[in-house]
PDB file of N, CA and C in Angstrom:
ATOM      1  N   MET A   1     -32.339  -9.169 -44.767  1.00  0.00           N
ATOM      2  CA  MET A   1     -31.386 -10.223 -44.413  1.00  0.00           C
ATOM      3  C   MET A   1     -29.992  -9.802 -44.835  1.00  0.00           C
ATOM      4  N   ALA A   2     -29.015 -10.250 -44.085  1.00  0.00           N
ATOM      5  CA  ALA A   2     -27.624  -9.897 -44.348  1.00  0.00           C
ATOM      6  C   ALA A   2     -27.135 -10.539 -45.636  1.00  0.00           C
ATOM      7  N   ASN A   3     -26.240  -9.842 -46.331  1.00  0.00           N
ATOM      8  CA  ASN A   3     -25.672 -10.354 -47.577  1.00  0.00           C
ATOM      9  C   ASN A   3     -24.253 -10.859 -47.395  1.00  0.00           C
ATOM     10  N   ILE A   4     -23.539 -10.295 -46.443  1.00  0.00           N
ATOM     11  CA  ILE A   4     -22.146 -10.665 -46.221  1.00  0.00           C
ATOM     12  C   ILE A   4     -22.098 -11.940 -45.378  1.00  0.00           C
ATOM     13  N   LYS A   5     -21.151 -12.810 -45.725  1.00  0.00           N
ATOM     14  CA  LYS A   5     -21.071 -14.117 -45.078  1.00  0.00           C
ATOM     15  C   LYS A   5     -20.916 -14.010 -43.564  1.00  0.00           C
ATOM     16  N   SER A   6     -20.048 -13.124 -43.103  1.00  0.00           N
ATOM     17  CA  SER A   6     -19.828 -12.975 -41.664  1.00  0.00           C
ATOM     18  C   SER A   6     -21.077 -12.441 -40.961  1.00  0.00           C
ATOM     19  N   ALA A   7     -21.834 -11.589 -41.665  1.00  0.00           N
ATOM     20  CA  ALA A   7     -23.061 -11.052 -41.083  1.00  0.00           C
ATOM     21  C   ALA A   7     -24.124 -12.146 -40.979  1.00  0.00           C
ATOM     22  N   LYS A   8     -24.162 -13.051 -41.954  1.00  0.00           N
ATOM     23  CA  LYS A   8     -25.104 -14.176 -41.890  1.00  0.00           C
ATOM     24  C   LYS A   8     -24.772 -15.080 -40.705  1.00  0.00           C
ATOM     25  N   LYS A   9     -23.475 -15.319 -40.504  1.00  0.00           N
ATOM     26  CA  LYS A   9     -23.043 -16.150 -39.376  1.00  0.00           C
ATOM     27  C   LYS A   9     -23.428 -15.488 -38.060  1.00  0.00           C
ATOM     28  N   ARG A  10     -23.178 -14.187 -37.959  1.00  0.00           N
ATOM     29  CA  ARG A  10     -23.535 -13.450 -36.748  1.00  0.00           C
ATOM     30  C   ARG A  10     -25.034 -13.519 -36.478  1.00  0.00           C
ATOM     31  N   ALA A  11     -25.837 -13.449 -37.528  1.00  0.00           N
ATOM     32  CA  ALA A  11     -27.291 -13.514 -37.357  1.00  0.00           C
ATOM     33  C   ALA A  11     -27.700 -14.884 -36.816  1.00  0.00           C
ATOM     34  N   LYS A  12     -27.087 -15.952 -37.336  1.00  0.00           N
ATOM     35  CA  LYS A  12     -27.391 -17.295 -36.838  1.00  0.00           C
ATOM     36  C   LYS A  12     -26.938 -17.452 -35.387  1.00  0.00           C
ATOM     37  N   GLN A  13     -25.757 -16.914 -35.067  1.00  0.00           N
ATOM     38  CA  GLN A  13     -25.258 -16.998 -33.697  1.00  0.00           C
ATOM     39  C   GLN A  13     -26.178 -16.250 -32.735  1.00  0.00           C
ATOM     40  N   ALA A  14     -26.699 -15.101 -33.183  1.00  0.00           N
ATOM     41  CA  ALA A  14     -27.577 -14.308 -32.334  1.00  0.00           C
ATOM     42  C   ALA A  14     -28.853 -15.076 -31.996  1.00  0.00           C
ATOM     43  N   VAL A  15     -29.386 -15.810 -32.969  1.00  0.00           N
ATOM     44  CA  VAL A  15     -30.601 -16.592 -32.733  1.00  0.00           C
ATOM     45  C   VAL A  15     -30.342 -17.672 -31.689  1.00  0.00           C
ATOM     46  N   VAL A  16     -29.220 -18.378 -31.829  1.00  0.00           N
ATOM     47  CA  VAL A  16     -28.876 -19.459 -30.892  1.00  0.00           C
ATOM     48  C   VAL A  16     -28.656 -18.900 -29.493  1.00  0.00           C
ATOM     49  N   ARG A  17     -27.905 -17.814 -29.404  1.00  0.00           N
ATOM     50  CA  ARG A  17     -27.606 -17.220 -28.094  1.00  0.00           C
ATOM     51  C   ARG A  17     -28.855 -16.658 -27.429  1.00  0.00           C
ATOM     52  N   ASN A  18     -29.744 -16.073 -28.234  1.00  0.00           N
ATOM     53  CA  ASN A  18     -30.980 -15.523 -27.683  1.00  0.00           C
ATOM     54  C   ASN A  18     -31.830 -16.636 -27.081  1.00  0.00           C
ATOM     55  N   ALA A  19     -31.895 -17.775 -27.788  1.00  0.00           N
ATOM     56  CA  ALA A  19     -32.673 -18.907 -27.274  1.00  0.00           C
ATOM     57  C   ALA A  19     -32.050 -19.447 -25.992  1.00  0.00           C
ATOM     58  N   ARG A  20     -30.729 -19.559 -25.951  1.00  0.00           N
ATOM     59  CA  ARG A  20     -30.051 -20.069 -24.755  1.00  0.00           C
ATOM     60  C   ARG A  20     -30.246 -19.117 -23.584  1.00  0.00           C
ATOM     61  N   ASN A  21     -30.094 -17.827 -23.828  1.00  0.00           N
ATOM     62  CA  ASN A  21     -30.263 -16.845 -22.758  1.00  0.00           C
ATOM     63  C   ASN A  21     -31.685 -16.867 -22.204  1.00  0.00           C
ATOM     64  N   ALA A  22     -32.678 -16.987 -23.087  1.00  0.00           N
ATOM     65  CA  ALA A  22     -34.072 -17.027 -22.637  1.00  0.00           C
ATOM     66  C   ALA A  22     -34.318 -18.256 -21.773  1.00  0.00           C
ATOM     67  N   SER A  23     -33.773 -19.393 -22.185  1.00  0.00           N
ATOM     68  CA  SER A  23     -33.947 -20.625 -21.425  1.00  0.00           C
ATOM     69  C   SER A  23     -33.291 -20.522 -20.054  1.00  0.00           C
ATOM     70  N   GLN A  24     -32.085 -20.004 -20.027  1.00  0.00           N
ATOM     71  CA  GLN A  24     -31.371 -19.894 -18.760  1.00  0.00           C
ATOM     72  C   GLN A  24     -32.022 -18.872 -17.835  1.00  0.00           C
ATOM     73  N   ARG A  25     -32.513 -17.776 -18.396  1.00  0.00           N
ATOM     74  CA  ARG A  25     -33.193 -16.770 -17.589  1.00  0.00           C
ATOM     75  C   ARG A  25     -34.466 -17.357 -16.976  1.00  0.00           C
ATOM     76  N   SER A  26     -35.174 -18.164 -17.745  1.00  0.00           N
ATOM     77  CA  SER A  26     -36.375 -18.826 -17.249  1.00  0.00           C
ATOM     78  C   SER A  26     -36.028 -19.790 -16.116  1.00  0.00           C
ATOM     79  N   MET A  27     -34.952 -20.546 -16.284  1.00  0.00           N
ATOM     80  CA  MET A  27     -34.495 -21.489 -15.258  1.00  0.00           C
ATOM     81  C   MET A  27     -34.167 -20.749 -13.965  1.00  0.00           C
ATOM     82  N   LEU A  28     -33.511 -19.605 -14.109  1.00  0.00           N
ATOM     83  CA  LEU A  28     -33.135 -18.782 -12.962  1.00  0.00           C
ATOM     84  C   LEU A  28     -34.377 -18.283 -12.225  1.00  0.00           C
ATOM     85  N   ARG A  29     -35.323 -17.749 -12.972  1.00  0.00           N
ATOM     86  CA  ARG A  29     -36.540 -17.206 -12.365  1.00  0.00           C
ATOM     87  C   ARG A  29     -37.349 -18.300 -11.673  1.00  0.00           C
ATOM     88  N   THR A  30     -37.396 -19.475 -12.287  1.00  0.00           N
ATOM     89  CA  THR A  30     -38.131 -20.592 -11.685  1.00  0.00           C
ATOM     90  C   THR A  30     -37.505 -20.998 -10.358  1.00  0.00           C
ATOM     91  N   ALA A  31     -36.179 -21.042 -10.316  1.00  0.00           N
ATOM     92  CA  ALA A  31     -35.483 -21.422  -9.082  1.00  0.00           C
ATOM     93  C   ALA A  31     -35.787 -20.423  -7.967  1.00  0.00           C
ATOM     94  N   VAL A  32     -35.787 -19.138  -8.293  1.00  0.00           N
ATOM     95  CA  VAL A  32     -36.065 -18.102  -7.293  1.00  0.00           C
ATOM     96  C   VAL A  32     -37.526 -18.181  -6.843  1.00  0.00           C
ATOM     97  N   LYS A  33     -38.429 -18.450  -7.798  1.00  0.00           N
ATOM     98  CA  LYS A  33     -39.852 -18.550  -7.454  1.00  0.00           C
ATOM     99  C   LYS A  33     -40.127 -19.724  -6.519  1.00  0.00           C
ATOM    100  N   LYS A  34     -39.378 -20.815  -6.683  1.00  0.00           N
ATOM    101  CA  LYS A  34     -39.560 -21.966  -5.797  1.00  0.00           C
ATOM    102  C   LYS A  34     -39.184 -21.607  -4.366  1.00  0.00           C
ATOM    103  N   VAL A  35     -38.141 -20.815  -4.209  1.00  0.00           N
ATOM    104  CA  VAL A  35     -37.741 -20.368  -2.869  1.00  0.00           C
ATOM    105  C   VAL A  35     -38.830 -19.471  -2.294  1.00  0.00           C
ATOM    106  N   LEU A  36     -39.308 -18.529  -3.097  1.00  0.00           N
ATOM    107  CA  LEU A  36     -40.335 -17.601  -2.633  1.00  0.00           C
ATOM    108  C   LEU A  36     -41.626 -18.330  -2.257  1.00  0.00           C
ATOM    109  N   LYS A  37     -41.972 -19.358  -3.027  1.00  0.00           N
ATOM    110  CA  LYS A  37     -43.177 -20.134  -2.723  1.00  0.00           C
ATOM    111  C   LYS A  37     -43.048 -20.825  -1.371  1.00  0.00           C
ATOM    112  N   ALA A  38     -41.881 -21.412  -1.116  1.00  0.00           N
ATOM    113  CA  ALA A  38     -41.653 -22.080   0.166  1.00  0.00           C
ATOM    114  C   ALA A  38     -41.671 -21.071   1.319  1.00  0.00           C
ATOM    115  N   ILE A  39     -41.125 -19.896   1.092  1.00  0.00           N
ATOM    116  CA  ILE A  39     -41.125 -18.848   2.116  1.00  0.00           C
ATOM    117  C   ILE A  39     -42.562 -18.420   2.432  1.00  0.00           C
ATOM    118  N   ASN A  40     -43.362 -18.217   1.376  1.00  0.00           N
ATOM    119  CA  ASN A  40     -44.740 -17.776   1.572  1.00  0.00           C
ATOM    120  C   ASN A  40     -45.593 -18.831   2.281  1.00  0.00           C
ATOM    121  N   GLU A  41     -45.199 -20.102   2.168  1.00  0.00           N
ATOM    122  CA  GLU A  41     -45.912 -21.178   2.858  1.00  0.00           C
ATOM    123  C   GLU A  41     -45.336 -21.431   4.253  1.00  0.00           C
ATOM    124  N   ASN A  42     -44.384 -20.610   4.687  1.00  0.00           N
ATOM    125  CA  ASN A  42     -43.701 -20.740   5.979  1.00  0.00           C
ATOM    126  C   ASN A  42     -43.035 -22.100   6.144  1.00  0.00           C
ATOM    127  N   ASP A  43     -42.514 -22.629   5.054  1.00  0.00           N
ATOM    128  CA  ASP A  43     -41.810 -23.914   5.062  1.00  0.00           C
ATOM    129  C   ASP A  43     -40.307 -23.633   5.097  1.00  0.00           C
ATOM    130  N   ALA A  44     -39.759 -23.533   6.302  1.00  0.00           N
ATOM    131  CA  ALA A  44     -38.350 -23.157   6.450  1.00  0.00           C
ATOM    132  C   ALA A  44     -37.416 -24.190   5.843  1.00  0.00           C
ATOM    133  N   ALA A  45     -37.709 -25.465   6.071  1.00  0.00           N
ATOM    134  CA  ALA A  45     -36.845 -26.525   5.532  1.00  0.00           C
ATOM    135  C   ALA A  45     -36.915 -26.566   4.016  1.00  0.00           C
ATOM    136  N   GLY A  46     -38.108 -26.431   3.475  1.00  0.00           N
ATOM    137  CA  GLY A  46     -38.277 -26.418   2.020  1.00  0.00           C
ATOM    138  C   GLY A  46     -37.629 -25.206   1.382  1.00  0.00           C
ATOM    139  N   ALA A  47     -37.744 -24.065   2.065  1.00  0.00           N
ATOM    140  CA  ALA A  47     -37.128 -22.846   1.554  1.00  0.00           C
ATOM    141  C   ALA A  47     -35.616 -22.968   1.566  1.00  0.00           C
ATOM    142  N   GLN A  48     -35.076 -23.559   2.616  1.00  0.00           N
ATOM    143  CA  GLN A  48     -33.622 -23.742   2.711  1.00  0.00           C
ATOM    144  C   GLN A  48     -33.137 -24.676   1.599  1.00  0.00           C
ATOM    145  N   ALA A  49     -33.881 -25.745   1.341  1.00  0.00           N
ATOM    146  CA  ALA A  49     -33.506 -26.691   0.282  1.00  0.00           C
ATOM    147  C   ALA A  49     -33.594 -26.030  -1.090  1.00  0.00           C
ATOM    148  N   ALA A  50     -34.660 -25.266  -1.325  1.00  0.00           N
ATOM    149  CA  ALA A  50     -34.815 -24.581  -2.610  1.00  0.00           C
ATOM    150  C   ALA A  50     -33.733 -23.522  -2.790  1.00  0.00           C
ATOM    151  N   PHE A  51     -33.372 -22.852  -1.701  1.00  0.00           N
ATOM    152  CA  PHE A  51     -32.313 -21.840  -1.767  1.00  0.00           C
ATOM    153  C   PHE A  51     -30.968 -22.487  -2.080  1.00  0.00           C
ATOM    154  N   ALA A  52     -30.748 -23.700  -1.545  1.00  0.00           N
ATOM    155  CA  ALA A  52     -29.494 -24.411  -1.817  1.00  0.00           C
ATOM    156  C   ALA A  52     -29.362 -24.765  -3.295  1.00  0.00           C
ATOM    157  N   THR A  53     -30.469 -24.965  -3.982  1.00  0.00           N
ATOM    158  CA  THR A  53     -30.408 -25.226  -5.422  1.00  0.00           C
ATOM    159  C   THR A  53     -30.369 -23.931  -6.225  1.00  0.00           C
ATOM    160  N   ALA A  54     -31.004 -22.873  -5.728  1.00  0.00           N
ATOM    161  CA  ALA A  54     -31.042 -21.607  -6.464  1.00  0.00           C
ATOM    162  C   ALA A  54     -29.727 -20.845  -6.384  1.00  0.00           C
ATOM    163  N   GLN A  55     -29.033 -20.964  -5.272  1.00  0.00           N
ATOM    164  CA  GLN A  55     -27.797 -20.188  -5.074  1.00  0.00           C
ATOM    165  C   GLN A  55     -26.729 -20.473  -6.133  1.00  0.00           C
ATOM    166  N   PRO A  56     -26.394 -21.745  -6.432  1.00  0.00           N
ATOM    167  CA  PRO A  56     -25.390 -21.966  -7.473  1.00  0.00           C
ATOM    168  C   PRO A  56     -25.856 -21.538  -8.862  1.00  0.00           C
ATOM    169  N   ILE A  57     -27.164 -21.580  -9.101  1.00  0.00           N
ATOM    170  CA  ILE A  57     -27.693 -21.121 -10.387  1.00  0.00           C
ATOM    171  C   ILE A  57     -27.475 -19.625 -10.522  1.00  0.00           C
ATOM    172  N   LEU A  58     -27.771 -18.882  -9.455  1.00  0.00           N
ATOM    173  CA  LEU A  58     -27.533 -17.436  -9.463  1.00  0.00           C
ATOM    174  C   LEU A  58     -26.053 -17.134  -9.688  1.00  0.00           C
ATOM    175  N   ASP A  59     -25.185 -17.851  -8.980  1.00  0.00           N
ATOM    176  CA  ASP A  59     -23.747 -17.621  -9.122  1.00  0.00           C
ATOM    177  C   ASP A  59     -23.260 -17.943 -10.537  1.00  0.00           C
ATOM    178  N   ARG A  60     -23.722 -19.064 -11.074  1.00  0.00           N
ATOM    179  CA  ARG A  60     -23.286 -19.493 -12.396  1.00  0.00           C
ATOM    180  C   ARG A  60     -23.676 -18.487 -13.472  1.00  0.00           C
ATOM    181  N   PHE A  61     -24.929 -18.045 -13.438  1.00  0.00           N
ATOM    182  CA  PHE A  61     -25.392 -17.146 -14.485  1.00  0.00           C
ATOM    183  C   PHE A  61     -24.873 -15.727 -14.314  1.00  0.00           C
ATOM    184  N   SER A  62     -24.527 -15.345 -13.089  1.00  0.00           N
ATOM    185  CA  SER A  62     -23.914 -14.031 -12.913  1.00  0.00           C
ATOM    186  C   SER A  62     -22.468 -14.043 -13.412  1.00  0.00           C
ATOM    187  N   SER A  63     -21.772 -15.169 -13.222  1.00  0.00           N
ATOM    188  CA  SER A  63     -20.390 -15.246 -13.707  1.00  0.00           C
ATOM    189  C   SER A  63     -20.348 -15.297 -15.226  1.00  0.00           C
ATOM    190  N   ARG A  64     -21.407 -15.810 -15.848  1.00  0.00           N
ATOM    191  CA  ARG A  64     -21.475 -15.872 -17.309  1.00  0.00           C
ATOM    192  C   ARG A  64     -21.993 -14.582 -17.928  1.00  0.00           C
ATOM    193  N   GLY A  65     -22.483 -13.676 -17.098  1.00  0.00           N
ATOM    194  CA  GLY A  65     -22.944 -12.390 -17.611  1.00  0.00           C
ATOM    195  C   GLY A  65     -24.412 -12.346 -17.977  1.00  0.00           C
ATOM    196  N   LEU A  66     -25.166 -13.382 -17.626  1.00  0.00           N
ATOM    197  CA  LEU A  66     -26.602 -13.369 -17.924  1.00  0.00           C
ATOM    198  C   LEU A  66     -27.304 -12.322 -17.057  1.00  0.00           C
ATOM    199  N   ILE A  67     -26.886 -12.232 -15.804  1.00  0.00           N
ATOM    200  CA  ILE A  67     -27.350 -11.168 -14.916  1.00  0.00           C
ATOM    201  C   ILE A  67     -26.122 -10.541 -14.269  1.00  0.00           C
ATOM    202  N   HIS A  68     -26.283  -9.349 -13.749  1.00  0.00           N
ATOM    203  CA  HIS A  68     -25.168  -8.650 -13.102  1.00  0.00           C
ATOM    204  C   HIS A  68     -24.839  -9.316 -11.777  1.00  0.00           C
ATOM    205  N   LYS A  69     -23.582  -9.287 -11.400  1.00  0.00           N
ATOM    206  CA  LYS A  69     -23.158  -9.945 -10.159  1.00  0.00           C
ATOM    207  C   LYS A  69     -23.812  -9.312  -8.938  1.00  0.00           C
ATOM    208  N   ASN A  70     -24.060  -8.021  -8.971  1.00  0.00           N
ATOM    209  CA  ASN A  70     -24.716  -7.370  -7.838  1.00  0.00           C
ATOM    210  C   ASN A  70     -26.183  -7.786  -7.725  1.00  0.00           C
ATOM    211  N   LYS A  71     -26.814  -8.047  -8.871  1.00  0.00           N
ATOM    212  CA  LYS A  71     -28.203  -8.506  -8.839  1.00  0.00           C
ATOM    213  C   LYS A  71     -28.272  -9.889  -8.213  1.00  0.00           C
ATOM    214  N   ALA A  72     -27.327 -10.752  -8.553  1.00  0.00           N
ATOM    215  CA  ALA A  72     -27.288 -12.091  -7.959  1.00  0.00           C
ATOM    216  C   ALA A  72     -27.057 -11.990  -6.455  1.00  0.00           C
ATOM    217  N   ALA A  73     -26.138 -11.138  -6.055  1.00  0.00           N
ATOM    218  CA  ALA A  73     -25.839 -10.959  -4.631  1.00  0.00           C
ATOM    219  C   ALA A  73     -27.064 -10.414  -3.888  1.00  0.00           C
ATOM    220  N   ARG A  74     -27.772  -9.488  -4.516  1.00  0.00           N
ATOM    221  CA  ARG A  74     -28.968  -8.909  -3.905  1.00  0.00           C
ATOM    222  C   ARG A  74     -30.053  -9.969  -3.717  1.00  0.00           C
ATOM    223  N   HIS A  75     -30.273 -10.792  -4.740  1.00  0.00           N
ATOM    224  CA  HIS A  75     -31.263 -11.862  -4.629  1.00  0.00           C
ATOM    225  C   HIS A  75     -30.899 -12.827  -3.507  1.00  0.00           C
ATOM    226  N   LYS A  76     -29.647 -13.258  -3.473  1.00  0.00           N
ATOM    227  CA  LYS A  76     -29.213 -14.210  -2.443  1.00  0.00           C
ATOM    228  C   LYS A  76     -29.375 -13.616  -1.053  1.00  0.00           C
ATOM    229  N   SER A  77     -28.997 -12.361  -0.892  1.00  0.00           N
ATOM    230  CA  SER A  77     -29.073 -11.714   0.410  1.00  0.00           C
ATOM    231  C   SER A  77     -30.518 -11.596   0.890  1.00  0.00           C
ATOM    232  N   ARG A  78     -31.398 -11.157   0.010  1.00  0.00           N
ATOM    233  CA  ARG A  78     -32.792 -10.956   0.397  1.00  0.00           C
ATOM    234  C   ARG A  78     -33.500 -12.270   0.674  1.00  0.00           C
ATOM    235  N   LEU A  79     -33.229 -13.275  -0.162  1.00  0.00           N
ATOM    236  CA  LEU A  79     -33.852 -14.579   0.059  1.00  0.00           C
ATOM    237  C   LEU A  79     -33.373 -15.188   1.375  1.00  0.00           C
ATOM    238  N   ASN A  80     -32.072 -15.098   1.619  1.00  0.00           N
ATOM    239  CA  ASN A  80     -31.508 -15.663   2.846  1.00  0.00           C
ATOM    240  C   ASN A  80     -32.065 -14.953   4.080  1.00  0.00           C
ATOM    241  N   ALA A  81     -32.236 -13.639   3.992  1.00  0.00           N
ATOM    242  CA  ALA A  81     -32.791 -12.887   5.114  1.00  0.00           C
ATOM    243  C   ALA A  81     -34.227 -13.317   5.403  1.00  0.00           C
ATOM    244  N   ARG A  82     -35.010 -13.558   4.347  1.00  0.00           N
ATOM    245  CA  ARG A  82     -36.397 -13.978   4.546  1.00  0.00           C
ATOM    246  C   ARG A  82     -36.473 -15.400   5.107  1.00  0.00           C
ATOM    247  N   ILE A  83     -35.548 -16.256   4.687  1.00  0.00           N
ATOM    248  CA  ILE A  83     -35.509 -17.620   5.219  1.00  0.00           C
ATOM    249  C   ILE A  83     -35.165 -17.585   6.708  1.00  0.00           C
ATOM    250  N   ARG A  84     -34.172 -16.772   7.066  1.00  0.00           N
ATOM    251  CA  ARG A  84     -33.789 -16.650   8.483  1.00  0.00           C
ATOM    252  C   ARG A  84     -34.925 -16.096   9.305  1.00  0.00           C
ATOM    253  N   ALA A  85     -35.710 -15.187   8.737  1.00  0.00           N
ATOM    254  CA  ALA A  85     -36.838 -14.591   9.459  1.00  0.00           C
ATOM    255  C   ALA A  85     -37.897 -15.635   9.784  1.00  0.00           C
ATOM    256  N   ILE A  86     -38.203 -16.525   8.841  1.00  0.00           N
ATOM    257  CA  ILE A  86     -39.219 -17.542   9.136  1.00  0.00           C
ATOM    258  C   ILE A  86     -38.677 -18.638  10.031  1.00  0.00           C
ATOM    259  N   GLN A  87     -37.348 -18.842  10.021  1.00  0.00           N
ATOM    260  CA  GLN A  87     -36.754 -19.833  10.918  1.00  0.00           C
ATOM    261  C   GLN A  87     -36.818 -19.354  12.362  1.00  0.00           C
ATOM    262  N   THR A  88     -36.566 -18.057  12.586  1.00  0.00           N
ATOM    263  CA  THR A  88     -36.590 -17.534  13.946  1.00  0.00           C
ATOM    264  C   THR A  88     -38.018 -17.386  14.449  1.00  0.00           C
ATOM    265  N   ALA A  89     -38.959 -17.124  13.535  1.00  0.00           N
ATOM    266  CA  ALA A  89     -40.370 -16.979  13.916  1.00  0.00           C
ATOM    267  C   ALA A  89     -40.992 -18.316  14.285  1.00  0.00           C
ATOM    268  N   ALA A  90     -40.489 -19.373  13.683  1.00  0.00           N
ATOM    269  CA  ALA A  90     -41.090 -20.695  13.933  1.00  0.00           C
ATOM    270  C   ALA A  90     -40.631 -21.308  15.241  1.00  0.00           C
TER     271      ALA A  90
END
C-alpha cells in the first residue's frame, strides 16, 4: 500500500475510475448486443430502434476516451450496414 498521501489519493481514484469504466463498458456492450439480437431475429424496426439508442452511447463513450473514436465509428458503420441489409431483404 502507498505511504505518500498523494499516492493514497491516486489509489482511491483508480478504484473509483475502474469501477465507472467497467460499468460504462458493460452498458456499451449491452446496447450493441441488443442491436445484434434484433438483427439476428430479422427485426428491422427493432434493430433500428436499438441502434438509435446505441449510437449516442457509442459517441458519448468515444468522446470520453472509454473506446477509440475509430472503434465507435466502425461499430456504427457495421451495425448500420447490417440493418440496411435486412431492410432491403424484407
